[in-house]
Amino acid sequence: MKPSIFKITGGHLTARDKRNILDCIEYLRGQDHHNAWLGYKGSPKRYCVTADADLPNIYGVRISENYTTDWGEKRQREWKFTVEAKGIDPLQPVAPKTDPQADLFEGMSA
C-alpha cells in the first residue's frame, strides 16, 4: 500500500503538507525524542508531529508558518490537525514525561 495521510480534524492540508508530514514521521522514526519542529530549508512552514499514545498511526500535527503582511510586518500563524497515516509502520510514541511537546496540543482548538 502506498504511504498516505488522511485528515481527521483540522483545516485544509495540501498535498505538499501531507508529503512533509510523512517525511517527518520517517525522520522521527530514527530519533530517541520527538521534540523538534521540522521543515525544509527555504520553506516558511515547520511541522511538529506527535504520535498518539493510544491509537497506532494517529498523529497530532502542528504547522507553523512565517509570513510577511502587505505592510512588511512579520507574522506567524499556526494550525492544528489530527491525521491518520496509512501504508507505514506506526511511530512509537515517546513517554509523556520525556516529551517536551506533550503540552503543545493542550488547550488548542482545531
PDB file of N, CA and C in Angstrom:
ATOM      1  N   MET A   1       0.854  -1.184   0.000  1.00  0.00           N
ATOM      2  CA  MET A   1       0.000   0.000   0.000  1.00  0.00           C
ATOM      3  C   MET A   1       0.895   1.240   0.000  1.00  0.00           C
ATOM      4  N   LYS A   2       0.526   2.205  -0.793  1.00  0.00           N
ATOM      5  CA  LYS A   2       1.269   3.456  -0.888  1.00  0.00           C
ATOM      6  C   LYS A   2       1.076   4.269   0.404  1.00  0.00           C
ATOM      7  N   PRO A   3       2.166   4.820   0.975  1.00  0.00           N
ATOM      8  CA  PRO A   3       2.017   5.651   2.172  1.00  0.00           C
ATOM      9  C   PRO A   3       1.129   6.865   1.891  1.00  0.00           C
ATOM     10  N   SER A   4       0.201   7.134   2.818  1.00  0.00           N
ATOM     11  CA  SER A   4      -0.702   8.262   2.621  1.00  0.00           C
ATOM     12  C   SER A   4      -1.148   8.819   3.966  1.00  0.00           C
ATOM     13  N   ILE A   5      -1.611  10.060   3.916  1.00  0.00           N
ATOM     14  CA  ILE A   5      -2.100  10.780   5.095  1.00  0.00           C
ATOM     15  C   ILE A   5      -3.562  11.140   4.860  1.00  0.00           C
ATOM     16  N   PHE A   6      -4.399  10.865   5.864  1.00  0.00           N
ATOM     17  CA  PHE A   6      -5.809  11.244   5.815  1.00  0.00           C
ATOM     18  C   PHE A   6      -6.099  12.169   6.984  1.00  0.00           C
ATOM     19  N   LYS A   7      -6.705  13.310   6.694  1.00  0.00           N
ATOM     20  CA  LYS A   7      -7.024  14.284   7.738  1.00  0.00           C
ATOM     21  C   LYS A   7      -8.246  13.810   8.513  1.00  0.00           C
ATOM     22  N   ILE A   8      -8.159  13.851   9.845  1.00  0.00           N
ATOM     23  CA  ILE A   8      -9.293  13.518  10.706  1.00  0.00           C
ATOM     24  C   ILE A   8      -9.944  14.807  11.196  1.00  0.00           C
ATOM     25  N   THR A   9      -9.144  15.727  11.735  1.00  0.00           N
ATOM     26  CA  THR A   9      -9.669  17.018  12.170  1.00  0.00           C
ATOM     27  C   THR A   9      -8.714  18.118  11.723  1.00  0.00           C
ATOM     28  N   GLY A  10      -9.224  19.320  11.639  1.00  0.00           N
ATOM     29  CA  GLY A  10      -8.407  20.473  11.265  1.00  0.00           C
ATOM     30  C   GLY A  10      -8.836  21.027   9.923  1.00  0.00           C
ATOM     31  N   GLY A  11      -8.114  22.036   9.473  1.00  0.00           N
ATOM     32  CA  GLY A  11      -8.431  22.704   8.214  1.00  0.00           C
ATOM     33  C   GLY A  11      -7.938  21.938   7.003  1.00  0.00           C
ATOM     34  N   HIS A  12      -7.623  22.667   5.959  1.00  0.00           N
ATOM     35  CA  HIS A  12      -7.190  22.060   4.700  1.00  0.00           C
ATOM     36  C   HIS A  12      -5.708  21.702   4.746  1.00  0.00           C
ATOM     37  N   LEU A  13      -5.380  20.494   4.333  1.00  0.00           N
ATOM     38  CA  LEU A  13      -3.988  20.059   4.186  1.00  0.00           C
ATOM     39  C   LEU A  13      -3.668  19.957   2.703  1.00  0.00           C
ATOM     40  N   THR A  14      -2.602  20.602   2.275  1.00  0.00           N
ATOM     41  CA  THR A  14      -2.201  20.498   0.877  1.00  0.00           C
ATOM     42  C   THR A  14      -1.467  19.173   0.668  1.00  0.00           C
ATOM     43  N   ALA A  15      -1.317  18.785  -0.591  1.00  0.00           N
ATOM     44  CA  ALA A  15      -0.574  17.570  -0.917  1.00  0.00           C
ATOM     45  C   ALA A  15       0.867  17.689  -0.429  1.00  0.00           C
ATOM     46  N   ARG A  16       1.439  18.877  -0.550  1.00  0.00           N
ATOM     47  CA  ARG A  16       2.818  19.094  -0.077  1.00  0.00           C
ATOM     48  C   ARG A  16       2.896  18.909   1.443  1.00  0.00           C
ATOM     49  N   ASP A  17       1.885  19.415   2.174  1.00  0.00           N
ATOM     50  CA  ASP A  17       1.851  19.227   3.628  1.00  0.00           C
ATOM     51  C   ASP A  17       1.806  17.742   3.981  1.00  0.00           C
ATOM     52  N   LYS A  18       0.991  16.980   3.265  1.00  0.00           N
ATOM     53  CA  LYS A  18       0.878  15.545   3.531  1.00  0.00           C
ATOM     54  C   LYS A  18       2.210  14.840   3.288  1.00  0.00           C
ATOM     55  N   ARG A  19       2.889  15.187   2.205  1.00  0.00           N
ATOM     56  CA  ARG A  19       4.207  14.588   1.931  1.00  0.00           C
ATOM     57  C   ARG A  19       5.216  14.978   3.010  1.00  0.00           C
ATOM     58  N   ASN A  20       5.163  16.221   3.453  1.00  0.00           N
ATOM     59  CA  ASN A  20       6.076  16.669   4.503  1.00  0.00           C
ATOM     60  C   ASN A  20       5.808  15.962   5.827  1.00  0.00           C
ATOM     61  N   ILE A  21       4.543  15.726   6.155  1.00  0.00           N
ATOM     62  CA  ILE A  21       4.198  15.009   7.385  1.00  0.00           C
ATOM     63  C   ILE A  21       4.740  13.582   7.322  1.00  0.00           C
ATOM     64  N   LEU A  22       4.589  12.917   6.179  1.00  0.00           N
ATOM     65  CA  LEU A  22       5.153  11.576   6.016  1.00  0.00           C
ATOM     66  C   LEU A  22       6.673  11.594   6.179  1.00  0.00           C
ATOM     67  N   ASP A  23       7.330  12.600   5.613  1.00  0.00           N
ATOM     68  CA  ASP A  23       8.783  12.731   5.761  1.00  0.00           C
ATOM     69  C   ASP A  23       9.165  12.945   7.223  1.00  0.00           C
ATOM     70  N   CYS A  24       8.385  13.745   7.952  1.00  0.00           N
ATOM     71  CA  CYS A  24       8.658  13.988   9.376  1.00  0.00           C
ATOM     72  C   CYS A  24       8.534  12.695  10.177  1.00  0.00           C
ATOM     73  N   ILE A  25       7.505  11.901   9.894  1.00  0.00           N
ATOM     74  CA  ILE A  25       7.315  10.638  10.608  1.00  0.00           C
ATOM     75  C   ILE A  25       8.505   9.715  10.353  1.00  0.00           C
ATOM     76  N   GLU A  26       8.930   9.619   9.108  1.00  0.00           N
ATOM     77  CA  GLU A  26      10.072   8.760   8.791  1.00  0.00           C
ATOM     78  C   GLU A  26      11.350   9.270   9.452  1.00  0.00           C
ATOM     79  N   TYR A  27      11.528  10.584   9.502  1.00  0.00           N
ATOM     80  CA  TYR A  27      12.702  11.157  10.169  1.00  0.00           C
ATOM     81  C   TYR A  27      12.686  10.856  11.664  1.00  0.00           C
ATOM     82  N   LEU A  28      11.515  11.034  12.299  1.00  0.00           N
ATOM     83  CA  LEU A  28      11.407  10.828  13.742  1.00  0.00           C
ATOM     84  C   LEU A  28      11.559   9.364  14.135  1.00  0.00           C
ATOM     85  N   ARG A  29      11.338   8.457  13.194  1.00  0.00           N
ATOM     86  CA  ARG A  29      11.467   7.035  13.480  1.00  0.00           C
ATOM     87  C   ARG A  29      12.879   6.701  13.993  1.00  0.00           C
ATOM     88  N   GLY A  30      13.883   7.371  13.506  1.00  0.00           N
ATOM     89  CA  GLY A  30      15.252   7.107  13.921  1.00  0.00           C
ATOM     90  C   GLY A  30      15.720   7.944  15.103  1.00  0.00           C
ATOM     91  N   GLN A  31      14.855   8.739  15.680  1.00  0.00           N
ATOM     92  CA  GLN A  31      15.229   9.631  16.780  1.00  0.00           C
ATOM     93  C   GLN A  31      14.759   9.066  18.117  1.00  0.00           C
ATOM     94  N   ASP A  32      15.487   9.377  19.185  1.00  0.00           N
ATOM     95  CA  ASP A  32      15.081   8.927  20.511  1.00  0.00           C
ATOM     96  C   ASP A  32      14.170   9.932  21.203  1.00  0.00           C
ATOM     97  N   HIS A  33      13.916  11.057  20.584  1.00  0.00           N
ATOM     98  CA  HIS A  33      12.973  12.057  21.101  1.00  0.00           C
ATOM     99  C   HIS A  33      12.259  12.687  19.899  1.00  0.00           C
ATOM    100  N   HIS A  34      11.111  13.271  20.176  1.00  0.00           N
ATOM    101  CA  HIS A  34      10.327  13.889  19.108  1.00  0.00           C
ATOM    102  C   HIS A  34      10.137  15.376  19.355  1.00  0.00           C
ATOM    103  N   ASN A  35      11.051  15.991  20.092  1.00  0.00           N
ATOM    104  CA  ASN A  35      10.889  17.405  20.438  1.00  0.00           C
ATOM    105  C   ASN A  35      11.576  18.289  19.402  1.00  0.00           C
ATOM    106  N   ALA A  36      10.966  18.361  18.226  1.00  0.00           N
ATOM    107  CA  ALA A  36      11.573  19.158  17.163  1.00  0.00           C
ATOM    108  C   ALA A  36      10.496  19.724  16.246  1.00  0.00           C
ATOM    109  N   TRP A  37      10.754  20.929  15.785  1.00  0.00           N
ATOM    110  CA  TRP A  37       9.988  21.494  14.686  1.00  0.00           C
ATOM    111  C   TRP A  37      10.806  21.181  13.438  1.00  0.00           C
ATOM    112  N   LEU A  38      10.201  20.522  12.481  1.00  0.00           N
ATOM    113  CA  LEU A  38      10.914  20.088  11.288  1.00  0.00           C
ATOM    114  C   LEU A  38      10.402  20.830  10.068  1.00  0.00           C
ATOM    115  N   GLY A  39      11.298  21.133   9.149  1.00  0.00           N
ATOM    116  CA  GLY A  39      10.909  21.806   7.917  1.00  0.00           C
ATOM    117  C   GLY A  39      12.033  21.731   6.914  1.00  0.00           C
ATOM    118  N   TYR A  40      11.785  22.277   5.745  1.00  0.00           N
ATOM    119  CA  TYR A  40      12.786  22.302   4.689  1.00  0.00           C
ATOM    120  C   TYR A  40      13.400  23.688   4.592  1.00  0.00           C
ATOM    121  N   LYS A  41      14.684  23.731   4.237  1.00  0.00           N
ATOM    122  CA  LYS A  41      15.371  24.998   4.069  1.00  0.00           C
ATOM    123  C   LYS A  41      14.644  25.822   3.006  1.00  0.00           C
ATOM    124  N   GLY A  42      14.394  27.064   3.316  1.00  0.00           N
ATOM    125  CA  GLY A  42      13.718  27.952   2.385  1.00  0.00           C
ATOM    126  C   GLY A  42      12.207  27.907   2.461  1.00  0.00           C
ATOM    127  N   SER A  43      11.649  26.960   3.192  1.00  0.00           N
ATOM    128  CA  SER A  43      10.197  26.856   3.320  1.00  0.00           C
ATOM    129  C   SER A  43       9.733  27.659   4.532  1.00  0.00           C
ATOM    130  N   PRO A  44       8.630  28.397   4.415  1.00  0.00           N
ATOM    131  CA  PRO A  44       8.131  29.153   5.569  1.00  0.00           C
ATOM    132  C   PRO A  44       7.384  28.281   6.577  1.00  0.00           C
ATOM    133  N   LYS A  45       7.123  27.001   6.236  1.00  0.00           N
ATOM    134  CA  LYS A  45       6.356  26.123   7.125  1.00  0.00           C
ATOM    135  C   LYS A  45       7.268  25.183   7.890  1.00  0.00           C
ATOM    136  N   ARG A  46       6.867  24.945   9.171  1.00  0.00           N
ATOM    137  CA  ARG A  46       7.534  23.973  10.024  1.00  0.00           C
ATOM    138  C   ARG A  46       6.464  23.049  10.590  1.00  0.00           C
ATOM    139  N   TYR A  47       6.860  21.809  10.848  1.00  0.00           N
ATOM    140  CA  TYR A  47       5.920  20.774  11.269  1.00  0.00           C
ATOM    141  C   TYR A  47       6.361  20.171  12.597  1.00  0.00           C
ATOM    142  N   CYS A  48       5.401  19.970  13.477  1.00  0.00           N
ATOM    143  CA  CYS A  48       5.622  19.300  14.755  1.00  0.00           C
ATOM    144  C   CYS A  48       4.665  18.108  14.782  1.00  0.00           C
ATOM    145  N   VAL A  49       5.215  16.897  14.831  1.00  0.00           N
ATOM    146  CA  VAL A  49       4.408  15.676  14.749  1.00  0.00           C
ATOM    147  C   VAL A  49       4.553  14.908  16.053  1.00  0.00           C
ATOM    148  N   THR A  50       3.423  14.527  16.657  1.00  0.00           N
ATOM    149  CA  THR A  50       3.410  13.757  17.894  1.00  0.00           C
ATOM    150  C   THR A  50       2.515  12.542  17.712  1.00  0.00           C
ATOM    151  N   ALA A  51       3.053  11.358  18.012  1.00  0.00           N
ATOM    152  CA  ALA A  51       2.285  10.120  17.897  1.00  0.00           C
ATOM    153  C   ALA A  51       1.272  10.022  19.034  1.00  0.00           C
ATOM    154  N   ASP A  52       0.094   9.478  18.724  1.00  0.00           N
ATOM    155  CA  ASP A  52      -0.933   9.242  19.733  1.00  0.00           C
ATOM    156  C   ASP A  52      -0.532   8.009  20.544  1.00  0.00           C
ATOM    157  N   ALA A  53      -0.571   8.110  21.855  1.00  0.00           N
ATOM    158  CA  ALA A  53      -0.145   7.009  22.718  1.00  0.00           C
ATOM    159  C   ALA A  53      -1.127   5.837  22.684  1.00  0.00           C
ATOM    160  N   ASP A  54      -2.400   6.097  22.378  1.00  0.00           N
ATOM    161  CA  ASP A  54      -3.426   5.053  22.435  1.00  0.00           C
ATOM    162  C   ASP A  54      -3.725   4.420  21.079  1.00  0.00           C
ATOM    163  N   LEU A  55      -3.666   5.198  20.020  1.00  0.00           N
ATOM    164  CA  LEU A  55      -4.056   4.702  18.701  1.00  0.00           C
ATOM    165  C   LEU A  55      -2.868   4.691  17.748  1.00  0.00           C
ATOM    166  N   PRO A  56      -2.542   3.529  17.175  1.00  0.00           N
ATOM    167  CA  PRO A  56      -1.425   3.488  16.230  1.00  0.00           C
ATOM    168  C   PRO A  56      -1.768   4.227  14.948  1.00  0.00           C
ATOM    169  N   ASN A  57      -0.784   4.846  14.353  1.00  0.00           N
ATOM    170  CA  ASN A  57      -0.912   5.584  13.090  1.00  0.00           C
ATOM    171  C   ASN A  57      -1.803   6.815  13.172  1.00  0.00           C
ATOM    172  N   ILE A  58      -2.119   7.288  14.371  1.00  0.00           N
ATOM    173  CA  ILE A  58      -2.826   8.556  14.551  1.00  0.00           C
ATOM    174  C   ILE A  58      -1.812   9.550  15.110  1.00  0.00           C
ATOM    175  N   TYR A  59      -1.758  10.737  14.509  1.00  0.00           N
ATOM    176  CA  TYR A  59      -0.750  11.723  14.885  1.00  0.00           C
ATOM    177  C   TYR A  59      -1.391  13.089  15.081  1.00  0.00           C
ATOM    178  N   GLY A  60      -0.882  13.810  16.064  1.00  0.00           N
ATOM    179  CA  GLY A  60      -1.208  15.211  16.228  1.00  0.00           C
ATOM    180  C   GLY A  60      -0.149  16.008  15.476  1.00  0.00           C
ATOM    181  N   VAL A  61      -0.581  16.946  14.656  1.00  0.00           N
ATOM    182  CA  VAL A  61       0.351  17.723  13.840  1.00  0.00           C
ATOM    183  C   VAL A  61       0.073  19.203  14.057  1.00  0.00           C
ATOM    184  N   ARG A  62       1.136  19.953  14.273  1.00  0.00           N
ATOM    185  CA  ARG A  62       1.023  21.415  14.291  1.00  0.00           C
ATOM    186  C   ARG A  62       1.883  21.943  13.171  1.00  0.00           C
ATOM    187  N   ILE A  63       1.329  22.883  12.431  1.00  0.00           N
ATOM    188  CA  ILE A  63       2.062  23.521  11.341  1.00  0.00           C
ATOM    189  C   ILE A  63       2.178  25.002  11.677  1.00  0.00           C
ATOM    190  N   SER A  64       3.384  25.509  11.614  1.00  0.00           N
ATOM    191  CA  SER A  64       3.652  26.915  11.871  1.00  0.00           C
ATOM    192  C   SER A  64       4.201  27.527  10.589  1.00  0.00           C
ATOM    193  N   GLU A  65       3.687  28.695  10.237  1.00  0.00           N
ATOM    194  CA  GLU A  65       4.142  29.363   9.017  1.00  0.00           C
ATOM    195  C   GLU A  65       4.485  30.812   9.316  1.00  0.00           C
ATOM    196  N   ASN A  66       5.658  31.227   8.883  1.00  0.00           N
ATOM    197  CA  ASN A  66       6.050  32.633   8.962  1.00  0.00           C
ATOM    198  C   ASN A  66       5.691  33.307   7.646  1.00  0.00           C
ATOM    199  N   TYR A  67       5.173  34.513   7.725  1.00  0.00           N
ATOM    200  CA  TYR A  67       4.826  35.251   6.512  1.00  0.00           C
ATOM    201  C   TYR A  67       4.967  36.739   6.769  1.00  0.00           C
ATOM    202  N   THR A  68       4.985  37.503   5.701  1.00  0.00           N
ATOM    203  CA  THR A  68       5.080  38.955   5.774  1.00  0.00           C
ATOM    204  C   THR A  68       3.788  39.547   5.226  1.00  0.00           C
ATOM    205  N   THR A  69       3.205  40.491   5.965  1.00  0.00           N
ATOM    206  CA  THR A  69       1.972  41.137   5.517  1.00  0.00           C
ATOM    207  C   THR A  69       2.269  42.101   4.365  1.00  0.00           C
ATOM    208  N   ASP A  70       1.229  42.641   3.784  1.00  0.00           N
ATOM    209  CA  ASP A  70       1.394  43.619   2.710  1.00  0.00           C
ATOM    210  C   ASP A  70       2.110  44.878   3.191  1.00  0.00           C
ATOM    211  N   TRP A  71       2.103  45.106   4.494  1.00  0.00           N
ATOM    212  CA  TRP A  71       2.743  46.293   5.067  1.00  0.00           C
ATOM    213  C   TRP A  71       4.143  46.000   5.592  1.00  0.00           C
ATOM    214  N   GLY A  72       4.661  44.801   5.321  1.00  0.00           N
ATOM    215  CA  GLY A  72       6.018  44.456   5.707  1.00  0.00           C
ATOM    216  C   GLY A  72       6.178  43.938   7.124  1.00  0.00           C
ATOM    217  N   GLU A  73       5.076  43.698   7.817  1.00  0.00           N
ATOM    218  CA  GLU A  73       5.150  43.176   9.181  1.00  0.00           C
ATOM    219  C   GLU A  73       5.332  41.662   9.141  1.00  0.00           C
ATOM    220  N   LYS A  74       6.247  41.144   9.958  1.00  0.00           N
ATOM    221  CA  LYS A  74       6.455  39.708  10.034  1.00  0.00           C
ATOM    222  C   LYS A  74       5.445  39.116  11.002  1.00  0.00           C
ATOM    223  N   ARG A  75       4.790  38.065  10.575  1.00  0.00           N
ATOM    224  CA  ARG A  75       3.765  37.412  11.390  1.00  0.00           C
ATOM    225  C   ARG A  75       3.961  35.898  11.350  1.00  0.00           C
ATOM    226  N   GLN A  76       3.265  35.227  12.251  1.00  0.00           N
ATOM    227  CA  GLN A  76       3.307  33.775  12.299  1.00  0.00           C
ATOM    228  C   GLN A  76       1.898  33.258  12.537  1.00  0.00           C
ATOM    229  N   ARG A  77       1.547  32.179  11.841  1.00  0.00           N
ATOM    230  CA  ARG A  77       0.250  31.549  12.090  1.00  0.00           C
ATOM    231  C   ARG A  77       0.470  30.054  12.299  1.00  0.00           C
ATOM    232  N   GLU A  78      -0.442  29.445  13.056  1.00  0.00           N
ATOM    233  CA  GLU A  78      -0.329  28.026  13.370  1.00  0.00           C
ATOM    234  C   GLU A  78      -1.656  27.331  13.135  1.00  0.00           C
ATOM    235  N   TRP A  79      -1.551  26.070  12.738  1.00  0.00           N
ATOM    236  CA  TRP A  79      -2.712  25.215  12.548  1.00  0.00           C
ATOM    237  C   TRP A  79      -2.495  23.929  13.315  1.00  0.00           C
ATOM    238  N   LYS A  80      -3.581  23.311  13.757  1.00  0.00           N
ATOM    239  CA  LYS A  80      -3.524  22.031  14.455  1.00  0.00           C
ATOM    240  C   LYS A  80      -4.379  21.027  13.685  1.00  0.00           C
ATOM    241  N   PHE A  81      -3.835  19.826  13.504  1.00  0.00           N
ATOM    242  CA  PHE A  81      -4.520  18.765  12.783  1.00  0.00           C
ATOM    243  C   PHE A  81      -4.383  17.458  13.546  1.00  0.00           C
ATOM    244  N   THR A  82      -5.313  16.567  13.309  1.00  0.00           N
ATOM    245  CA  THR A  82      -5.176  15.173  13.691  1.00  0.00           C
ATOM    246  C   THR A  82      -5.251  14.399  12.390  1.00  0.00           C
ATOM    247  N   VAL A  83      -4.253  13.553  12.152  1.00  0.00           N
ATOM    248  CA  VAL A  83      -4.193  12.818  10.889  1.00  0.00           C
ATOM    249  C   VAL A  83      -3.984  11.335  11.159  1.00  0.00           C
ATOM    250  N   GLU A  84      -4.342  10.534  10.147  1.00  0.00           N
ATOM    251  CA  GLU A  84      -4.076   9.105  10.174  1.00  0.00           C
ATOM    252  C   GLU A  84      -3.129   8.785   9.037  1.00  0.00           C
ATOM    253  N   ALA A  85      -2.085   8.035   9.340  1.00  0.00           N
ATOM    254  CA  ALA A  85      -1.123   7.614   8.319  1.00  0.00           C
ATOM    255  C   ALA A  85      -1.404   6.162   7.968  1.00  0.00           C
ATOM    256  N   LYS A  86      -1.464   5.883   6.669  1.00  0.00           N
ATOM    257  CA  LYS A  86      -1.678   4.512   6.208  1.00  0.00           C
ATOM    258  C   LYS A  86      -0.516   4.117   5.309  1.00  0.00           C
ATOM    259  N   GLY A  87      -0.210   2.824   5.319  1.00  0.00           N
ATOM    260  CA  GLY A  87       0.848   2.319   4.468  1.00  0.00           C
ATOM    261  C   GLY A  87       2.244   2.444   5.054  1.00  0.00           C
ATOM    262  N   ILE A  88       2.352   2.823   6.329  1.00  0.00           N
ATOM    263  CA  ILE A  88       3.651   2.906   7.003  1.00  0.00           C
ATOM    264  C   ILE A  88       3.532   2.247   8.371  1.00  0.00           C
ATOM    265  N   ASP A  89       4.666   1.860   8.931  1.00  0.00           N
ATOM    266  CA  ASP A  89       4.682   1.322  10.287  1.00  0.00           C
ATOM    267  C   ASP A  89       4.433   2.448  11.276  1.00  0.00           C
ATOM    268  N   PRO A  90       3.676   2.179  12.355  1.00  0.00           N
ATOM    269  CA  PRO A  90       3.405   3.236  13.341  1.00  0.00           C
ATOM    270  C   PRO A  90       4.677   3.735  14.001  1.00  0.00           C
ATOM    271  N   LEU A  91       4.688   5.003  14.289  1.00  0.00           N
ATOM    272  CA  LEU A  91       5.774   5.617  15.044  1.00  0.00           C
ATOM    273  C   LEU A  91       5.491   5.381  16.516  1.00  0.00           C
ATOM    274  N   GLN A  92       6.456   4.866  17.235  1.00  0.00           N
ATOM    275  CA  GLN A  92       6.262   4.603  18.659  1.00  0.00           C
ATOM    276  C   GLN A  92       6.239   5.928  19.413  1.00  0.00           C
ATOM    277  N   PRO A  93       5.206   6.149  20.229  1.00  0.00           N
ATOM    278  CA  PRO A  93       5.138   7.413  20.968  1.00  0.00           C
ATOM    279  C   PRO A  93       6.219   7.501  22.029  1.00  0.00           C
ATOM    280  N   VAL A  94       6.624   8.710  22.313  1.00  0.00           N
ATOM    281  CA  VAL A  94       7.588   8.981  23.375  1.00  0.00           C
ATOM    282  C   VAL A  94       6.802   9.124  24.671  1.00  0.00           C
ATOM    283  N   ALA A  95       7.355   8.621  25.754  1.00  0.00           N
ATOM    284  CA  ALA A  95       6.684   8.734  27.049  1.00  0.00           C
ATOM    285  C   ALA A  95       6.407  10.201  27.365  1.00  0.00           C
ATOM    286  N   PRO A  96       5.205  10.547  27.872  1.00  0.00           N
ATOM    287  CA  PRO A  96       4.850  11.944  28.122  1.00  0.00           C
ATOM    288  C   PRO A  96       5.820  12.695  29.025  1.00  0.00           C
ATOM    289  N   LYS A  97       6.452  11.992  29.962  1.00  0.00           N
ATOM    290  CA  LYS A  97       7.377  12.670  30.870  1.00  0.00           C
ATOM    291  C   LYS A  97       8.601  13.208  30.131  1.00  0.00           C
ATOM    292  N   THR A  98       9.019  12.533  29.063  1.00  0.00           N
ATOM    293  CA  THR A  98      10.219  12.945  28.358  1.00  0.00           C
ATOM    294  C   THR A  98       9.922  13.738  27.098  1.00  0.00           C
ATOM    295  N   ASP A  99       8.652  13.932  26.788  1.00  0.00           N
ATOM    296  CA  ASP A  99       8.291  14.634  25.569  1.00  0.00           C
ATOM    297  C   ASP A  99       7.929  16.082  25.890  1.00  0.00           C
ATOM    298  N   PRO A 100       8.838  17.051  25.635  1.00  0.00           N
ATOM    299  CA  PRO A 100       8.538  18.444  25.956  1.00  0.00           C
ATOM    300  C   PRO A 100       7.425  19.030  25.100  1.00  0.00           C
ATOM    301  N   GLN A 101       7.028  18.351  24.028  1.00  0.00           N
ATOM    302  CA  GLN A 101       5.961  18.868  23.179  1.00  0.00           C
ATOM    303  C   GLN A 101       4.584  18.399  23.622  1.00  0.00           C
ATOM    304  N   ALA A 102       4.523  17.526  24.610  1.00  0.00           N
ATOM    305  CA  ALA A 102       3.252  16.957  25.018  1.00  0.00           C
ATOM    306  C   ALA A 102       2.232  18.038  25.366  1.00  0.00           C
ATOM    307  N   ASP A 103       2.668  19.161  25.927  1.00  0.00           N
ATOM    308  CA  ASP A 103       1.735  20.215  26.322  1.00  0.00           C
ATOM    309  C   ASP A 103       1.410  21.168  25.169  1.00  0.00           C
ATOM    310  N   LEU A 104       2.034  21.008  24.012  1.00  0.00           N
ATOM    311  CA  LEU A 104       1.745  21.915  22.891  1.00  0.00           C
ATOM    312  C   LEU A 104       0.316  21.785  22.403  1.00  0.00           C
ATOM    313  N   PHE A 105      -0.248  20.586  22.511  1.00  0.00           N
ATOM    314  CA  PHE A 105      -1.579  20.351  21.959  1.00  0.00           C
ATOM    315  C   PHE A 105      -2.688  20.572  22.974  1.00  0.00           C
ATOM    316  N   GLU A 106      -2.340  20.824  24.202  1.00  0.00           N
ATOM    317  CA  GLU A 106      -3.343  21.073  25.235  1.00  0.00           C
ATOM    318  C   GLU A 106      -3.945  22.463  25.056  1.00  0.00           C
ATOM    319  N   GLY A 107      -5.248  22.539  25.096  1.00  0.00           N
ATOM    320  CA  GLY A 107      -5.938  23.819  25.088  1.00  0.00           C
ATOM    321  C   GLY A 107      -6.077  24.471  23.725  1.00  0.00           C
ATOM    322  N   MET A 108      -5.605  23.819  22.672  1.00  0.00           N
ATOM    323  CA  MET A 108      -5.782  24.391  21.321  1.00  0.00           C
ATOM    324  C   MET A 108      -7.017  23.797  20.687  1.00  0.00           C
ATOM    325  N   SER A 109      -7.797  24.609  20.041  1.00  0.00           N
ATOM    326  CA  SER A 109      -8.950  24.090  19.325  1.00  0.00           C
ATOM    327  C   SER A 109      -8.602  24.024  17.841  1.00  0.00           C
ATOM    328  N   ALA A 110      -9.261  23.135  17.145  1.00  0.00           N
ATOM    329  CA  ALA A 110      -8.982  22.937  15.710  1.00  0.00           C
ATOM    330  C   ALA A 110      -9.517  24.057  14.878  1.00  0.00           C
TER     331      ALA A 110
END
